[in-house]
Amino acid sequence: MTAPENLQIFEQLKPGDRVELTHEVKVGFRQWNTVTQGTVVRTERRRHGLHYDRNRDDKVFSDVIVLSDEEGALTTVTLDEFTDLKKLTAEPS
């Protein structure tokens, strides 16, 4: 999925939606893909200063999804160009 398609899905998310994210994790020289599923608690565009040697007036933002899993644990996932976001259909109660 492309970044514009992910952004379109991200903008339509609301609390209670079920999503699945496939994203790339990098630690040192190792990298692997992982899948995260959960229920959207909230979405936000978060300002940060993760970029080195930037002008302090530059504004850098990331799209963030806070998810709750089946046991209630919260996790935060930041969308980037390597993320594949899918909205899942609601599971029957």
PDB file of N, CA and C in Angstrom:
ATOM      1  N   MET A   1       0.853  -1.173   0.000  1.00  0.00           N
ATOM      2  CA  MET A   1       0.000   0.000   0.000  1.00  0.00           C
ATOM      3  C   MET A   1       0.899   1.238   0.000  1.00  0.00           C
ATOM      4  N   THR A   2       0.479   2.274  -0.681  1.00  0.00           N
ATOM      5  CA  THR A   2       1.278   3.491  -0.772  1.00  0.00           C
ATOM      6  C   THR A   2       0.993   4.422   0.402  1.00  0.00           C
ATOM      7  N   ALA A   3       1.909   5.370   0.617  1.00  0.00           N
ATOM      8  CA  ALA A   3       1.747   6.323   1.713  1.00  0.00           C
ATOM      9  C   ALA A   3       0.455   7.141   1.583  1.00  0.00           C
ATOM     10  N   PRO A   4       0.086   7.633   0.382  1.00  0.00           N
ATOM     11  CA  PRO A   4      -1.186   8.377   0.287  1.00  0.00           C
ATOM     12  C   PRO A   4      -2.409   7.517   0.634  1.00  0.00           C
ATOM     13  N   GLU A   5      -2.377   6.229   0.278  1.00  0.00           N
ATOM     14  CA  GLU A   5      -3.498   5.348   0.636  1.00  0.00           C
ATOM     15  C   GLU A   5      -3.559   5.161   2.151  1.00  0.00           C
ATOM     16  N   ASN A   6      -2.387   4.976   2.784  1.00  0.00           N
ATOM     17  CA  ASN A   6      -2.345   4.860   4.246  1.00  0.00           C
ATOM     18  C   ASN A   6      -2.870   6.118   4.913  1.00  0.00           C
ATOM     19  N   LEU A   7      -2.486   7.279   4.391  1.00  0.00           N
ATOM     20  CA  LEU A   7      -2.936   8.547   4.969  1.00  0.00           C
ATOM     21  C   LEU A   7      -4.444   8.697   4.849  1.00  0.00           C
ATOM     22  N   GLN A   8      -4.999   8.260   3.732  1.00  0.00           N
ATOM     23  CA  GLN A   8      -6.443   8.335   3.540  1.00  0.00           C
ATOM     24  C   GLN A   8      -7.170   7.472   4.578  1.00  0.00           C
ATOM     25  N   ILE A   9      -6.668   6.252   4.817  1.00  0.00           N
ATOM     26  CA  ILE A   9      -7.262   5.381   5.838  1.00  0.00           C
ATOM     27  C   ILE A   9      -7.082   6.005   7.218  1.00  0.00           C
ATOM     28  N   PHE A  10      -5.874   6.521   7.502  1.00  0.00           N
ATOM     29  CA  PHE A  10      -5.572   7.137   8.798  1.00  0.00           C
ATOM     30  C   PHE A  10      -6.546   8.268   9.104  1.00  0.00           C
ATOM     31  N   GLU A  11      -6.821   9.112   8.127  1.00  0.00           N
ATOM     32  CA  GLU A  11      -7.703  10.259   8.338  1.00  0.00           C
ATOM     33  C   GLU A  11      -9.150   9.848   8.616  1.00  0.00           C
ATOM     34  N   GLN A  12      -9.545   8.645   8.188  1.00  0.00           N
ATOM     35  CA  GLN A  12     -10.909   8.176   8.395  1.00  0.00           C
ATOM     36  C   GLN A  12     -11.074   7.361   9.686  1.00  0.00           C
ATOM     37  N   LEU A  13      -9.979   7.031  10.364  1.00  0.00           N
ATOM     38  CA  LEU A  13     -10.068   6.210  11.572  1.00  0.00           C
ATOM     39  C   LEU A  13     -10.744   6.966  12.700  1.00  0.00           C
ATOM     40  N   LYS A  14     -11.488   6.223  13.497  1.00  0.00           N
ATOM     41  CA  LYS A  14     -12.115   6.798  14.688  1.00  0.00           C
ATOM     42  C   LYS A  14     -12.005   5.773  15.816  1.00  0.00           C
ATOM     43  N   PRO A  15     -12.121   6.218  17.057  1.00  0.00           N
ATOM     44  CA  PRO A  15     -12.022   5.275  18.183  1.00  0.00           C
ATOM     45  C   PRO A  15     -13.011   4.121  18.019  1.00  0.00           C
ATOM     46  N   GLY A  16     -12.518   2.912  18.286  1.00  0.00           N
ATOM     47  CA  GLY A  16     -13.345   1.723  18.174  1.00  0.00           C
ATOM     48  C   GLY A  16     -13.096   0.936  16.899  1.00  0.00           C
ATOM     49  N   ASP A  17     -12.474   1.562  15.887  1.00  0.00           N
ATOM     50  CA  ASP A  17     -12.151   0.845  14.653  1.00  0.00           C
ATOM     51  C   ASP A  17     -11.062  -0.188  14.917  1.00  0.00           C
ATOM     52  N   ARG A  18     -11.167  -1.342  14.256  1.00  0.00           N
ATOM     53  CA  ARG A  18     -10.126  -2.379  14.341  1.00  0.00           C
ATOM     54  C   ARG A  18      -9.187  -2.221  13.157  1.00  0.00           C
ATOM     55  N   VAL A  19      -7.883  -2.256  13.428  1.00  0.00           N
ATOM     56  CA  VAL A  19      -6.892  -2.093  12.372  1.00  0.00           C
ATOM     57  C   VAL A  19      -5.793  -3.138  12.504  1.00  0.00           C
ATOM     58  N   GLU A  20      -5.093  -3.339  11.386  1.00  0.00           N
ATOM     59  CA  GLU A  20      -3.913  -4.201  11.348  1.00  0.00           C
ATOM     60  C   GLU A  20      -2.815  -3.408  10.662  1.00  0.00           C
ATOM     61  N   LEU A  21      -1.658  -3.340  11.301  1.00  0.00           N
ATOM     62  CA  LEU A  21      -0.523  -2.628  10.738  1.00  0.00           C
ATOM     63  C   LEU A  21       0.624  -3.609  10.527  1.00  0.00           C
ATOM     64  N   THR A  22       1.178  -3.608   9.344  1.00  0.00           N
ATOM     65  CA  THR A  22       2.405  -4.346   9.082  1.00  0.00           C
ATOM     66  C   THR A  22       3.480  -3.276   8.962  1.00  0.00           C
ATOM     67  N   HIS A  23       4.494  -3.355   9.827  1.00  0.00           N
ATOM     68  CA  HIS A  23       5.514  -2.323   9.814  1.00  0.00           C
ATOM     69  C   HIS A  23       6.892  -2.924   9.992  1.00  0.00           C
ATOM     70  N   GLU A  24       7.874  -2.153   9.602  1.00  0.00           N
ATOM     71  CA  GLU A  24       9.262  -2.588   9.655  1.00  0.00           C
ATOM     72  C   GLU A  24       9.890  -2.100  10.952  1.00  0.00           C
ATOM     73  N   VAL A  25      10.557  -3.008  11.652  1.00  0.00           N
ATOM     74  CA  VAL A  25      11.251  -2.674  12.892  1.00  0.00           C
ATOM     75  C   VAL A  25      12.738  -2.764  12.617  1.00  0.00           C
ATOM     76  N   LYS A  26      13.486  -1.743  13.034  1.00  0.00           N
ATOM     77  CA  LYS A  26      14.941  -1.747  12.839  1.00  0.00           C
ATOM     78  C   LYS A  26      15.615  -1.550  14.183  1.00  0.00           C
ATOM     79  N   VAL A  27      16.575  -2.415  14.467  1.00  0.00           N
ATOM     80  CA  VAL A  27      17.410  -2.280  15.654  1.00  0.00           C
ATOM     81  C   VAL A  27      18.842  -2.543  15.196  1.00  0.00           C
ATOM     82  N   GLY A  28      19.656  -1.500  15.212  1.00  0.00           N
ATOM     83  CA  GLY A  28      21.014  -1.641  14.701  1.00  0.00           C
ATOM     84  C   GLY A  28      20.975  -1.986  13.227  1.00  0.00           C
ATOM     85  N   PHE A  29      21.681  -3.061  12.851  1.00  0.00           N
ATOM     86  CA  PHE A  29      21.694  -3.491  11.452  1.00  0.00           C
ATOM     87  C   PHE A  29      20.627  -4.539  11.164  1.00  0.00           C
ATOM     88  N   ARG A  30      19.873  -4.934  12.183  1.00  0.00           N
ATOM     89  CA  ARG A  30      18.819  -5.933  11.988  1.00  0.00           C
ATOM     90  C   ARG A  30      17.504  -5.234  11.675  1.00  0.00           C
ATOM     91  N   GLN A  31      16.699  -5.882  10.852  1.00  0.00           N
ATOM     92  CA  GLN A  31      15.362  -5.368  10.561  1.00  0.00           C
ATOM     93  C   GLN A  31      14.446  -6.534  10.250  1.00  0.00           C
ATOM     94  N   TRP A  32      13.176  -6.373  10.608  1.00  0.00           N
ATOM     95  CA  TRP A  32      12.180  -7.401  10.337  1.00  0.00           C
ATOM     96  C   TRP A  32      10.818  -6.748  10.280  1.00  0.00           C
ATOM     97  N   ASN A  33       9.876  -7.447   9.660  1.00  0.00           N
ATOM     98  CA  ASN A  33       8.496  -6.974   9.582  1.00  0.00           C
ATOM     99  C   ASN A  33       7.686  -7.627  10.687  1.00  0.00           C
ATOM    100  N   THR A  34       6.771  -6.872  11.239  1.00  0.00           N
ATOM    101  CA  THR A  34       5.903  -7.385  12.294  1.00  0.00           C
ATOM    102  C   THR A  34       4.485  -6.886  12.045  1.00  0.00           C
ATOM    103  N   VAL A  35       3.525  -7.621  12.575  1.00  0.00           N
ATOM    104  CA  VAL A  35       2.109  -7.268  12.409  1.00  0.00           C
ATOM    105  C   VAL A  35       1.538  -6.915  13.777  1.00  0.00           C
ATOM    106  N   THR A  36       0.837  -5.798  13.849  1.00  0.00           N
ATOM    107  CA  THR A  36       0.182  -5.347  15.070  1.00  0.00           C
ATOM    108  C   THR A  36      -1.299  -5.168  14.776  1.00  0.00           C
ATOM    109  N   GLN A  37      -2.148  -5.784  15.595  1.00  0.00           N
ATOM    110  CA  GLN A  37      -3.592  -5.624  15.464  1.00  0.00           C
ATOM    111  C   GLN A  37      -4.131  -5.032  16.753  1.00  0.00           C
ATOM    112  N   GLY A  38      -5.176  -4.236  16.621  1.00  0.00           N
ATOM    113  CA  GLY A  38      -5.798  -3.688  17.813  1.00  0.00           C
ATOM    114  C   GLY A  38      -6.960  -2.783  17.476  1.00  0.00           C
ATOM    115  N   THR A  39      -7.522  -2.229  18.535  1.00  0.00           N
ATOM    116  CA  THR A  39      -8.649  -1.303  18.425  1.00  0.00           C
ATOM    117  C   THR A  39      -8.125   0.109  18.620  1.00  0.00           C
ATOM    118  N   VAL A  40      -8.516   1.016  17.745  1.00  0.00           N
ATOM    119  CA  VAL A  40      -8.048   2.396  17.804  1.00  0.00           C
ATOM    120  C   VAL A  40      -8.596   3.073  19.059  1.00  0.00           C
ATOM    121  N   VAL A  41      -7.695   3.620  19.867  1.00  0.00           N
ATOM    122  CA  VAL A  41      -8.071   4.431  21.023  1.00  0.00           C
ATOM    123  C   VAL A  41      -8.141   5.891  20.584  1.00  0.00           C
ATOM    124  N   ARG A  42      -7.096   6.317  19.842  1.00  0.00           N
ATOM    125  CA  ARG A  42      -7.076   7.667  19.278  1.00  0.00           C
ATOM    126  C   ARG A  42      -6.001   7.749  18.196  1.00  0.00           C
ATOM    127  N   THR A  43      -6.137   8.738  17.354  1.00  0.00           N
ATOM    128  CA  THR A  43      -5.113   9.058  16.362  1.00  0.00           C
ATOM    129  C   THR A  43      -4.696  10.499  16.606  1.00  0.00           C
ATOM    130  N   GLU A  44      -3.469  10.804  16.273  1.00  0.00           N
ATOM    131  CA  GLU A  44      -3.004  12.174  16.444  1.00  0.00           C
ATOM    132  C   GLU A  44      -1.830  12.444  15.522  1.00  0.00           C
ATOM    133  N   ARG A  45      -1.615  13.700  15.272  1.00  0.00           N
ATOM    134  CA  ARG A  45      -0.434  14.153  14.550  1.00  0.00           C
ATOM    135  C   ARG A  45       0.460  14.783  15.612  1.00  0.00           C
ATOM    136  N   ARG A  46       1.571  14.126  15.913  1.00  0.00           N
ATOM    137  CA  ARG A  46       2.423  14.505  17.024  1.00  0.00           C
ATOM    138  C   ARG A  46       3.665  15.242  16.522  1.00  0.00           C
ATOM    139  N   ARG A  47       3.945  16.376  17.133  1.00  0.00           N
ATOM    140  CA  ARG A  47       5.150  17.130  16.783  1.00  0.00           C
ATOM    141  C   ARG A  47       6.326  16.540  17.544  1.00  0.00           C
ATOM    142  N   HIS A  48       7.454  16.451  16.869  1.00  0.00           N
ATOM    143  CA  HIS A  48       8.652  15.918  17.531  1.00  0.00           C
ATOM    144  C   HIS A  48       9.892  16.582  16.971  1.00  0.00           C
ATOM    145  N   GLY A  49      11.013  16.282  17.570  1.00  0.00           N
ATOM    146  CA  GLY A  49      12.301  16.821  17.139  1.00  0.00           C
ATOM    147  C   GLY A  49      13.294  15.703  16.918  1.00  0.00           C
ATOM    148  N   LEU A  50      12.895  14.689  16.175  1.00  0.00           N
ATOM    149  CA  LEU A  50      13.754  13.526  15.979  1.00  0.00           C
ATOM    150  C   LEU A  50      14.848  13.747  14.945  1.00  0.00           C
ATOM    151  N   HIS A  51      14.781  14.801  14.188  1.00  0.00           N
ATOM    152  CA  HIS A  51      15.744  15.003  13.118  1.00  0.00           C
ATOM    153  C   HIS A  51      16.947  15.785  13.627  1.00  0.00           C
ATOM    154  N   TYR A  52      18.096  15.302  13.324  1.00  0.00           N
ATOM    155  CA  TYR A  52      19.334  15.895  13.794  1.00  0.00           C
ATOM    156  C   TYR A  52      19.684  17.142  12.990  1.00  0.00           C
ATOM    157  N   ASP A  53      20.196  18.140  13.675  1.00  0.00           N
ATOM    158  CA  ASP A  53      20.771  19.327  13.061  1.00  0.00           C
ATOM    159  C   ASP A  53      19.769  20.092  12.195  1.00  0.00           C
ATOM    160  N   ARG A  54      18.563  20.286  12.714  1.00  0.00           N
ATOM    161  CA  ARG A  54      17.546  21.061  12.012  1.00  0.00           C
ATOM    162  C   ARG A  54      17.402  22.415  12.675  1.00  0.00           C
ATOM    163  N   ASN A  55      16.890  23.345  11.937  1.00  0.00           N
ATOM    164  CA  ASN A  55      16.576  24.651  12.488  1.00  0.00           C
ATOM    165  C   ASN A  55      15.496  24.472  13.549  1.00  0.00           C
ATOM    166  N   ARG A  56      15.615  25.151  14.671  1.00  0.00           N
ATOM    167  CA  ARG A  56      14.646  24.952  15.752  1.00  0.00           C
ATOM    168  C   ARG A  56      13.244  25.410  15.379  1.00  0.00           C
ATOM    169  N   ASP A  57      13.103  26.216  14.334  1.00  0.00           N
ATOM    170  CA  ASP A  57      11.781  26.659  13.888  1.00  0.00           C
ATOM    171  C   ASP A  57      11.110  25.658  12.957  1.00  0.00           C
ATOM    172  N   ASP A  58      11.850  24.658  12.472  1.00  0.00           N
ATOM    173  CA  ASP A  58      11.244  23.644  11.607  1.00  0.00           C
ATOM    174  C   ASP A  58      10.247  22.831  12.410  1.00  0.00           C
ATOM    175  N   LYS A  59       9.113  22.570  11.825  1.00  0.00           N
ATOM    176  CA  LYS A  59       8.092  21.776  12.494  1.00  0.00           C
ATOM    177  C   LYS A  59       8.036  20.413  11.822  1.00  0.00           C
ATOM    178  N   VAL A  60       8.263  19.367  12.595  1.00  0.00           N
ATOM    179  CA  VAL A  60       8.261  18.004  12.081  1.00  0.00           C
ATOM    180  C   VAL A  60       7.156  17.244  12.806  1.00  0.00           C
ATOM    181  N   PHE A  61       6.285  16.577  12.046  1.00  0.00           N
ATOM    182  CA  PHE A  61       5.152  15.872  12.620  1.00  0.00           C
ATOM    183  C   PHE A  61       5.156  14.415  12.182  1.00  0.00           C
ATOM    184  N   SER A  62       4.582  13.557  13.013  1.00  0.00           N
ATOM    185  CA  SER A  62       4.381  12.147  12.682  1.00  0.00           C
ATOM    186  C   SER A  62       2.928  11.790  12.956  1.00  0.00           C
ATOM    187  N   ASP A  63       2.381  10.900  12.124  1.00  0.00           N
ATOM    188  CA  ASP A  63       1.032  10.393  12.346  1.00  0.00           C
ATOM    189  C   ASP A  63       1.128   9.198  13.271  1.00  0.00           C
ATOM    190  N   VAL A  64       0.369   9.229  14.359  1.00  0.00           N
ATOM    191  CA  VAL A  64       0.464   8.232  15.422  1.00  0.00           C
ATOM    192  C   VAL A  64      -0.906   7.613  15.671  1.00  0.00           C
ATOM    193  N   ILE A  65      -0.917   6.284  15.866  1.00  0.00           N
ATOM    194  CA  ILE A  65      -2.140   5.574  16.235  1.00  0.00           C
ATOM    195  C   ILE A  65      -1.900   4.909  17.589  1.00  0.00           C
ATOM    196  N   VAL A  66      -2.768   5.176  18.544  1.00  0.00           N
ATOM    197  CA  VAL A  66      -2.714   4.502  19.845  1.00  0.00           C
ATOM    198  C   VAL A  66      -3.745   3.377  19.782  1.00  0.00           C
ATOM    199  N   LEU A  67      -3.265   2.139  20.016  1.00  0.00           N
ATOM    200  CA  LEU A  67      -4.110   0.948  19.912  1.00  0.00           C
ATOM    201  C   LEU A  67      -4.248   0.257  21.252  1.00  0.00           C
ATOM    202  N   SER A  68      -5.365  -0.422  21.422  1.00  0.00           N
ATOM    203  CA  SER A  68      -5.606  -1.274  22.578  1.00  0.00           C
ATOM    204  C   SER A  68      -5.746  -2.700  22.066  1.00  0.00           C
ATOM    205  N   ASP A  69      -5.046  -3.645  22.714  1.00  0.00           N
ATOM    206  CA  ASP A  69      -5.195  -5.041  22.293  1.00  0.00           C
ATOM    207  C   ASP A  69      -6.340  -5.694  23.065  1.00  0.00           C
ATOM    208  N   GLU A  70      -6.536  -6.980  22.865  1.00  0.00           N
ATOM    209  CA  GLU A  70      -7.670  -7.691  23.474  1.00  0.00           C
ATOM    210  C   GLU A  70      -7.629  -7.679  24.993  1.00  0.00           C
ATOM    211  N   GLU A  71      -6.415  -7.575  25.571  1.00  0.00           N
ATOM    212  CA  GLU A  71      -6.282  -7.571  27.029  1.00  0.00           C
ATOM    213  C   GLU A  71      -6.285  -6.175  27.625  1.00  0.00           C
ATOM    214  N   GLY A  72      -6.387  -5.153  26.765  1.00  0.00           N
ATOM    215  CA  GLY A  72      -6.441  -3.784  27.247  1.00  0.00           C
ATOM    216  C   GLY A  72      -5.110  -3.064  27.269  1.00  0.00           C
ATOM    217  N   ALA A  73      -4.024  -3.732  26.896  1.00  0.00           N
ATOM    218  CA  ALA A  73      -2.715  -3.086  26.865  1.00  0.00           C
ATOM    219  C   ALA A  73      -2.671  -2.090  25.710  1.00  0.00           C
ATOM    220  N   LEU A  74      -2.053  -0.937  25.954  1.00  0.00           N
ATOM    221  CA  LEU A  74      -1.954   0.105  24.935  1.00  0.00           C
ATOM    222  C   LEU A  74      -0.606   0.047  24.237  1.00  0.00           C
ATOM    223  N   THR A  75      -0.610   0.322  22.959  1.00  0.00           N
ATOM    224  CA  THR A  75       0.630   0.438  22.196  1.00  0.00           C
ATOM    225  C   THR A  75       0.485   1.607  21.237  1.00  0.00           C
ATOM    226  N   THR A  76       1.587   2.257  20.945  1.00  0.00           N
ATOM    227  CA  THR A  76       1.599   3.396  20.041  1.00  0.00           C
ATOM    228  C   THR A  76       2.424   3.034  18.821  1.00  0.00           C
ATOM    229  N   VAL A  77       1.853   3.262  17.634  1.00  0.00           N
ATOM    230  CA  VAL A  77       2.553   2.972  16.382  1.00  0.00           C
ATOM    231  C   VAL A  77       2.618   4.257  15.571  1.00  0.00           C
ATOM    232  N   THR A  78       3.814   4.584  15.095  1.00  0.00           N
ATOM    233  CA  THR A  78       4.015   5.744  14.236  1.00  0.00           C
ATOM    234  C   THR A  78       4.024   5.287  12.788  1.00  0.00           C
ATOM    235  N   LEU A  79       3.217   5.923  11.965  1.00  0.00           N
ATOM    236  CA  LEU A  79       3.168   5.564  10.551  1.00  0.00           C
ATOM    237  C   LEU A  79       4.355   6.165   9.816  1.00  0.00           C
ATOM    238  N   ASP A  80       4.938   5.374   8.923  1.00  0.00           N
ATOM    239  CA  ASP A  80       5.990   5.872   8.050  1.00  0.00           C
ATOM    240  C   ASP A  80       5.811   5.245   6.675  1.00  0.00           C
ATOM    241  N   GLU A  81       6.782   5.450   5.795  1.00  0.00           N
ATOM    242  CA  GLU A  81       6.637   4.962   4.423  1.00  0.00           C
ATOM    243  C   GLU A  81       6.716   3.443   4.317  1.00  0.00           C
ATOM    244  N   PHE A  82       7.106   2.757   5.395  1.00  0.00           N
ATOM    245  CA  PHE A  82       7.211   1.301   5.386  1.00  0.00           C
ATOM    246  C   PHE A  82       6.006   0.622   6.039  1.00  0.00           C
ATOM    247  N   THR A  83       5.028   1.397   6.478  1.00  0.00           N
ATOM    248  CA  THR A  83       3.862   0.867   7.176  1.00  0.00           C
ATOM    249  C   THR A  83       2.748   0.546   6.192  1.00  0.00           C
ATOM    250  N   ASP A  84       2.102  -0.601   6.408  1.00  0.00           N
ATOM    251  CA  ASP A  84       0.933  -0.990   5.624  1.00  0.00           C
ATOM    252  C   ASP A  84      -0.246  -1.033   6.591  1.00  0.00           C
ATOM    253  N   LEU A  85      -1.208  -0.138   6.405  1.00  0.00           N
ATOM    254  CA  LEU A  85      -2.347   0.010   7.310  1.00  0.00           C
ATOM    255  C   LEU A  85      -3.591  -0.562   6.661  1.00  0.00           C
ATOM    256  N   LYS A  86      -4.287  -1.447   7.386  1.00  0.00           N
ATOM    257  CA  LYS A  86      -5.546  -2.018   6.902  1.00  0.00           C
ATOM    258  C   LYS A  86      -6.611  -1.849   7.966  1.00  0.00           C
ATOM    259  N   LYS A  87      -7.783  -1.423   7.551  1.00  0.00           N
ATOM    260  CA  LYS A  87      -8.926  -1.347   8.467  1.00  0.00           C
ATOM    261  C   LYS A  87      -9.641  -2.675   8.393  1.00  0.00           C
ATOM    262  N   LEU A  88      -9.852  -3.311   9.546  1.00  0.00           N
ATOM    263  CA  LEU A  88     -10.504  -4.607   9.616  1.00  0.00           C
ATOM    264  C   LEU A  88     -12.002  -4.436   9.845  1.00  0.00           C
ATOM    265  N   THR A  89     -12.756  -5.429   9.429  1.00  0.00           N
ATOM    266  CA  THR A  89     -14.184  -5.395   9.720  1.00  0.00           C
ATOM    267  C   THR A  89     -14.366  -5.737  11.185  1.00  0.00           C
ATOM    268  N   ALA A  90     -15.399  -5.209  11.768  1.00  0.00           N
ATOM    269  CA  ALA A  90     -15.682  -5.469  13.181  1.00  0.00           C
ATOM    270  C   ALA A  90     -15.986  -6.947  13.391  1.00  0.00           C
ATOM    271  N   GLU A  91     -15.453  -7.487  14.469  1.00  0.00           N
ATOM    272  CA  GLU A  91     -15.730  -8.886  14.802  1.00  0.00           C
ATOM    273  C   GLU A  91     -17.102  -8.981  15.447  1.00  0.00           C
ATOM    274  N   PRO A  92     -17.849 -10.027  15.180  1.00  0.00           N
ATOM    275  CA  PRO A  92     -19.167 -10.167  15.783  1.00  0.00           C
ATOM    276  C   PRO A  92     -19.064 -10.308  17.302  1.00  0.00           C
ATOM    277  N   SER A  93     -19.950  -9.675  18.015  1.00  0.00           N
ATOM    278  CA  SER A  93     -19.927  -9.723  19.492  1.00  0.00           C
ATOM    279  C   SER A  93     -20.553 -11.000  20.003  1.00  0.00           C
TER     280      SER A  93
END
